[in-house]
Amino acid sequence: MKKIILSGIIMLCCLAGFSQTDTTGNGNNNGDTVHVGNFIIIRNHKEGNTNYDSMPPRRENYTIINIPRRKEYQSQNSHRHKTISTNYLIFDLGFANYNDKTNYNSPEAQSFLNANGGAPFQKSDLKLITGKSSNVNIWLFQQKLNVAARVLNLKYGLGLEMFNFRYKNDISYHNNPDYIFRDTVDFSKNKLYVGYATIPFMININPTPRSHHGFSLSAGVSAGYKIGSHTKQVSDERGKVKDHGDFNLNAWRFSYVAELGLGPVHLYGSYSIKPMFENAVKQYPYTVGVRFSNW
């Protein structure tokens, strides 16, 4: 029964193809090639068979080629040709610290670091608790612009960088005028929070663009604008105290940034080019952590 049906289909296709032109490339209208929907049916010639055209058609006498529809093909392969790909709501979780290059003997540094008649401030006075100083970033979106075969890309985005610098010693920030001083209270928690609206620009190299779990490397710079800063202190004497202010912090943050993708794991890091404060206190924040991203 199947052979009868197949033979009928082939005969109908051949009849419909008598008026069509051969599109195999030779330009001859010999009726050997028929286009039907997504199929191309090609009749196979057999030398020495003089009754070929008068015999019932057989499956082995024809080659049937299935061509995917254009829209289906484009849909299946559109991801390979995207110029821009977008990733939304990316989260970073890492540690923060800073490289302190302050000359504590300079008059400018001693003016901002008010010792209240005690011993001059030293580098150890502003030491952080490394395990409790954190960096949390929320990227609203990141995009990759294809530059060369999806191996070389331009990567950029927009997000919020948040730093929590947890101090080891009992220091406090004073507003108007701005300075840091040694406090007489024993704090159980003493931190400085700074937040930046940041735009990163990176060159991305992805040797395996068809894999979501391959190796990738990104490196570049970022520019951030300070949108908030405050101190938070907890003690038995004063309870919980939060103080908002500028604290003589730089309004802009410029940094080197990098990202390393190893399969599903993404690591990130940053190092500030510009010091955190506007005065002679030269502290350059840096971060390292894990990025939760699809690419």
Protein backbone atom coordinates (compact mmCIF):
# COMPACT_ATOMS: atom_id res chain seq x y z
CA MET A 1 0.00 0.00 0.00
CA LYS A 2 2.83 2.42 0.89
CA LYS A 3 4.57 1.72 -2.43
CA ILE A 4 1.36 2.49 -4.34
CA ILE A 5 0.89 5.80 -2.51
CA LEU A 6 4.55 6.78 -3.02
CA SER A 7 4.32 5.93 -6.71
CA GLY A 8 1.21 8.09 -7.05
CA ILE A 9 2.90 11.05 -5.35
CA ILE A 10 5.96 10.80 -7.59
CA MET A 11 3.83 10.57 -10.73
CA LEU A 12 1.86 13.67 -9.72
CA CYS A 13 5.09 15.54 -8.97
CA CYS A 14 6.51 14.57 -12.35
CA LEU A 15 3.35 15.75 -14.15
CA ALA A 16 3.49 19.04 -12.26
CA GLY A 17 7.15 19.45 -13.14
CA PHE A 18 6.80 19.23 -16.92
CA SER A 19 6.22 22.98 -17.06
CA GLN A 20 9.03 23.91 -14.63
CA THR A 21 12.61 24.79 -15.40
CA ASP A 22 15.48 22.74 -14.05
CA THR A 23 17.15 24.73 -11.25
CA THR A 24 20.13 22.47 -10.68
CA GLY A 25 22.38 24.90 -12.48
CA ASN A 26 22.63 23.64 -16.08
CA GLY A 27 19.71 25.76 -17.40
CA ASN A 28 18.19 22.88 -19.46
CA ASN A 29 14.43 22.27 -19.26
CA ASN A 30 14.61 18.46 -19.26
CA GLY A 31 12.08 17.73 -16.51
CA ASP A 32 14.65 15.94 -14.31
CA THR A 33 14.17 18.27 -11.32
CA VAL A 34 10.90 19.21 -9.65
CA HIS A 35 10.36 21.68 -6.76
CA VAL A 36 7.41 20.82 -4.52
CA GLY A 37 7.09 22.92 -1.34
CA ASN A 38 10.19 22.22 0.79
CA PHE A 39 11.24 19.26 -1.39
CA ILE A 40 13.38 18.86 -4.52
CA ILE A 41 12.75 15.62 -6.43
CA ILE A 42 15.51 14.59 -8.87
CA ARG A 43 15.05 11.73 -11.33
CA ASN A 44 18.04 9.42 -11.50
CA HIS A 45 19.01 8.41 -15.09
CA LYS A 46 19.83 4.80 -15.85
CA GLU A 47 21.65 4.12 -19.12
CA GLY A 48 20.41 1.26 -21.29
CA ASN A 49 16.86 1.39 -20.01
CA THR A 50 14.92 2.43 -23.12
CA ASN A 51 11.56 1.84 -21.49
CA TYR A 52 12.42 4.04 -18.48
CA ASP A 53 9.72 6.63 -19.10
CA SER A 54 6.99 4.07 -19.69
CA MET A 55 7.66 1.97 -16.57
CA PRO A 56 5.93 2.67 -13.22
CA PRO A 57 8.02 4.95 -11.00
CA ARG A 58 10.05 3.38 -8.21
CA ARG A 59 11.47 4.99 -5.09
CA GLU A 60 15.03 4.10 -6.04
CA ASN A 61 14.66 6.01 -9.32
CA TYR A 62 14.33 9.33 -7.51
CA THR A 63 16.31 11.41 -5.02
CA ILE A 64 14.20 13.54 -2.65
CA ILE A 65 15.91 16.46 -0.87
CA ASN A 66 14.23 18.25 2.04
CA ILE A 67 15.09 21.97 2.25
CA PRO A 68 14.17 23.75 5.53
CA ARG A 69 11.89 26.70 5.16
CA ARG A 70 13.67 30.03 5.20
CA LYS A 71 11.85 31.34 8.28
CA GLU A 72 12.46 28.12 10.23
CA TYR A 73 16.14 28.15 9.27
CA GLN A 74 16.53 31.77 10.32
CA SER A 75 14.74 31.08 13.61
CA GLN A 76 16.98 28.10 14.38
CA ASN A 77 20.16 29.98 13.55
CA SER A 78 19.31 33.58 14.49
CA HIS A 79 21.31 33.35 17.73
CA ARG A 80 24.43 32.70 15.68
CA HIS A 81 24.07 35.96 13.79
CA LYS A 82 22.96 38.35 16.53
CA THR A 83 24.97 41.55 16.52
CA ILE A 84 23.96 42.44 20.10
CA SER A 85 23.04 40.09 22.94
CA THR A 86 21.66 41.34 26.27
CA ASN A 87 21.77 39.95 29.80
CA TYR A 88 19.55 41.46 32.51
CA LEU A 89 19.89 41.67 36.32
CA ILE A 90 23.41 40.41 36.98
CA PHE A 91 24.56 40.13 40.60
CA ASP A 92 28.08 40.36 42.03
CA LEU A 93 29.13 39.27 45.50
CA GLY A 94 32.69 39.82 46.65
CA PHE A 95 35.23 41.23 49.08
CA ALA A 96 36.41 44.83 49.20
CA ASN A 97 39.59 46.44 50.46
CA TYR A 98 41.87 49.30 49.47
CA ASN A 99 45.51 49.91 48.69
CA ASP A 100 46.57 52.65 51.10
CA LYS A 101 49.24 54.94 49.62
CA THR A 102 48.70 57.81 52.05
CA ASN A 103 51.65 59.80 53.35
CA TYR A 104 50.47 60.05 56.96
CA ASN A 105 53.23 62.50 57.83
CA SER A 106 52.02 65.13 55.39
CA PRO A 107 50.23 68.20 56.81
CA GLU A 108 47.25 67.60 54.46
CA ALA A 109 46.72 64.07 55.77
CA GLN A 110 47.07 65.13 59.41
CA SER A 111 44.57 67.92 58.84
CA PHE A 112 41.89 65.48 57.68
CA LEU A 113 42.85 62.84 60.27
CA ASN A 114 42.14 64.65 63.52
CA ALA A 115 44.05 63.01 66.37
CA ASN A 116 42.42 65.26 69.04
CA GLY A 117 45.77 65.93 70.65
CA GLY A 118 46.78 62.29 70.69
CA ALA A 119 49.37 60.45 68.64
CA PRO A 120 49.22 61.21 64.90
CA PHE A 121 47.15 58.87 62.75
CA GLN A 122 48.95 55.90 61.24
CA LYS A 123 48.06 53.43 58.51
CA SER A 124 46.88 50.91 61.10
CA ASP A 125 44.20 53.31 62.38
CA LEU A 126 42.23 52.94 59.14
CA LYS A 127 42.71 49.20 58.80
CA LEU A 128 39.71 47.20 57.57
CA ILE A 129 38.26 43.89 58.71
CA THR A 130 38.93 42.02 55.47
CA GLY A 131 36.39 39.24 55.89
CA LYS A 132 33.57 41.71 56.65
CA SER A 133 34.32 44.40 54.07
CA SER A 134 32.13 43.58 51.09
CA ASN A 135 31.23 44.59 47.57
CA VAL A 136 27.76 43.94 46.13
CA ASN A 137 26.88 45.00 42.58
CA ILE A 138 23.57 44.91 40.73
CA TRP A 139 23.86 45.35 36.97
CA LEU A 140 20.54 46.33 35.40
CA PHE A 141 21.82 45.02 32.08
CA GLN A 142 24.97 44.10 30.22
CA GLN A 143 25.33 43.84 26.45
CA LYS A 144 27.82 42.25 24.09
CA LEU A 145 28.38 43.84 20.68
CA ASN A 146 29.79 41.39 18.15
CA VAL A 147 32.98 42.76 16.59
CA ALA A 148 34.56 39.69 14.94
CA ALA A 149 32.88 36.29 14.56
CA ARG A 150 31.44 36.54 18.10
CA VAL A 151 34.96 35.76 19.36
CA LEU A 152 35.85 39.42 19.86
CA ASN A 153 33.12 41.53 21.46
CA LEU A 154 32.59 44.91 23.08
CA LYS A 155 30.91 44.49 26.48
CA TYR A 156 29.20 47.31 28.38
CA GLY A 157 26.33 47.87 30.81
CA LEU A 158 24.80 49.94 33.59
CA GLY A 159 24.51 49.13 37.27
CA LEU A 160 24.99 49.98 40.92
CA GLU A 161 28.24 49.28 42.79
CA MET A 162 27.98 49.14 46.58
CA PHE A 163 30.95 49.10 48.98
CA ASN A 164 30.87 48.37 52.72
CA PHE A 165 34.21 49.21 54.37
CA ARG A 166 34.19 47.68 57.86
CA TYR A 167 36.73 49.35 60.16
CA LYS A 168 38.71 47.46 62.75
CA ASN A 169 39.32 50.47 65.04
CA ASP A 170 36.98 52.95 66.74
CA ILE A 171 37.11 55.86 64.29
CA SER A 172 34.28 58.21 63.29
CA TYR A 173 33.53 60.63 60.45
CA HIS A 174 32.59 64.24 61.16
CA ASN A 175 30.54 66.41 58.80
CA ASN A 176 30.97 70.16 58.22
CA PRO A 177 33.88 70.32 58.49
CA ASP A 178 34.80 66.89 57.14
CA TYR A 179 37.43 64.94 59.05
CA ILE A 180 38.09 61.56 60.69
CA PHE A 181 38.78 61.29 64.42
CA ARG A 182 39.43 58.64 67.04
CA ASP A 183 36.27 58.00 69.03
CA THR A 184 35.95 57.14 72.72
CA VAL A 185 33.19 54.57 72.11
CA ASP A 186 33.77 50.85 71.62
CA PHE A 187 31.87 49.98 68.43
CA SER A 188 30.66 46.45 67.75
CA LYS A 189 30.00 47.53 64.16
CA ASN A 190 31.64 50.44 62.37
CA LYS A 191 31.40 50.81 58.60
CA LEU A 192 31.42 53.27 55.72
CA TYR A 193 29.01 52.66 52.83
CA VAL A 194 29.57 54.16 49.36
CA GLY A 195 27.39 53.55 46.29
CA TYR A 196 28.10 54.40 42.65
CA ALA A 197 26.06 54.35 39.44
CA THR A 198 28.58 52.72 37.11
CA ILE A 199 29.07 52.09 33.40
CA PRO A 200 31.75 49.50 32.46
CA PHE A 201 33.41 49.18 29.04
CA MET A 202 35.31 45.96 28.33
CA ILE A 203 36.83 44.02 25.46
CA ASN A 204 35.51 40.46 25.61
CA ILE A 205 37.34 37.46 24.12
CA ASN A 206 35.30 34.27 23.80
CA PRO A 207 37.17 31.45 21.97
CA THR A 208 34.08 29.17 22.14
CA PRO A 209 31.13 31.41 21.14
CA ARG A 210 28.74 28.48 20.58
CA SER A 211 29.15 27.22 24.13
CA HIS A 212 27.63 28.86 27.20
CA HIS A 213 30.08 27.07 29.47
CA GLY A 214 33.42 27.73 27.80
CA PHE A 215 36.33 30.03 28.63
CA SER A 216 35.98 33.80 28.29
CA LEU A 217 37.97 36.84 29.32
CA SER A 218 36.93 40.50 29.58
CA ALA A 219 39.03 43.52 30.54
CA GLY A 220 38.54 47.26 30.41
CA VAL A 221 37.61 50.32 32.47
CA SER A 222 34.56 51.65 34.29
CA ALA A 223 33.27 55.07 35.30
CA GLY A 224 31.06 55.53 38.35
CA TYR A 225 29.32 58.49 39.95
CA LYS A 226 28.69 58.54 43.70
CA ILE A 227 24.96 58.46 44.46
CA GLY A 228 25.08 57.80 48.19
CA SER A 229 27.34 57.46 51.23
CA HIS A 230 26.80 57.01 54.97
CA THR A 231 28.37 55.59 58.09
CA LYS A 232 26.72 53.01 60.32
CA GLN A 233 27.87 52.40 63.89
CA VAL A 234 26.56 50.10 66.62
CA SER A 235 27.58 50.42 70.27
CA ASP A 236 26.13 49.90 73.74
CA GLU A 237 26.47 53.61 74.57
CA ARG A 238 24.80 55.04 71.45
CA GLY A 239 22.90 52.13 70.00
CA LYS A 240 22.59 52.08 66.21
CA VAL A 241 23.57 55.36 64.52
CA LYS A 242 23.50 56.08 60.77
CA ASP A 243 24.99 59.34 59.50
CA HIS A 244 24.63 60.48 55.87
CA GLY A 245 27.22 62.79 54.31
CA ASP A 246 29.84 63.29 51.61
CA PHE A 247 32.78 62.79 54.02
CA ASN A 248 35.12 64.42 51.49
CA LEU A 249 34.72 61.42 49.16
CA ASN A 250 35.43 61.83 45.46
CA ALA A 251 32.25 62.15 43.40
CA TRP A 252 33.73 60.06 40.56
CA ARG A 253 35.25 56.60 40.57
CA PHE A 254 37.37 55.35 37.65
CA SER A 255 38.59 51.77 37.74
CA TYR A 256 40.22 48.94 35.85
CA VAL A 257 37.77 46.04 35.59
CA ALA A 258 38.08 42.40 34.51
CA GLU A 259 35.97 39.26 34.31
CA LEU A 260 36.99 35.62 33.89
CA GLY A 261 34.53 32.93 32.80
CA LEU A 262 35.40 29.30 33.51
CA GLY A 263 32.43 27.20 32.48
CA PRO A 264 29.43 28.22 34.58
CA VAL A 265 31.65 30.11 37.06
CA HIS A 266 32.33 33.83 36.52
CA LEU A 267 34.89 35.76 38.57
CA TYR A 268 35.28 39.53 38.55
CA GLY A 269 37.69 42.10 39.90
CA SER A 270 38.24 45.86 39.93
CA TYR A 271 40.94 48.29 40.97
CA SER A 272 40.27 52.01 41.39
CA ILE A 273 42.47 54.37 39.36
CA LYS A 274 41.25 57.39 41.34
CA PRO A 275 41.62 57.57 45.16
CA MET A 276 38.45 57.33 47.23
CA PHE A 277 38.95 60.68 49.03
CA GLU A 278 39.53 64.14 47.56
CA ASN A 279 42.27 65.11 50.00
CA ALA A 280 45.71 63.73 50.82
CA VAL A 281 44.32 60.37 52.03
CA LYS A 282 45.20 58.17 49.05
CA GLN A 283 43.21 54.96 49.32
CA TYR A 284 42.51 52.97 46.14
CA PRO A 285 39.67 50.45 46.58
CA TYR A 286 39.81 47.04 44.90
CA THR A 287 37.39 44.12 44.78
CA VAL A 288 37.30 40.43 43.87
CA GLY A 289 34.31 38.12 43.85
CA VAL A 290 31.80 35.91 42.03
CA ARG A 291 29.48 37.12 39.26
CA PHE A 292 26.11 35.45 38.74
CA SER A 293 25.65 35.82 34.99
CA ASN A 294 24.39 33.80 31.99
CA TRP A 295 27.47 34.77 29.97
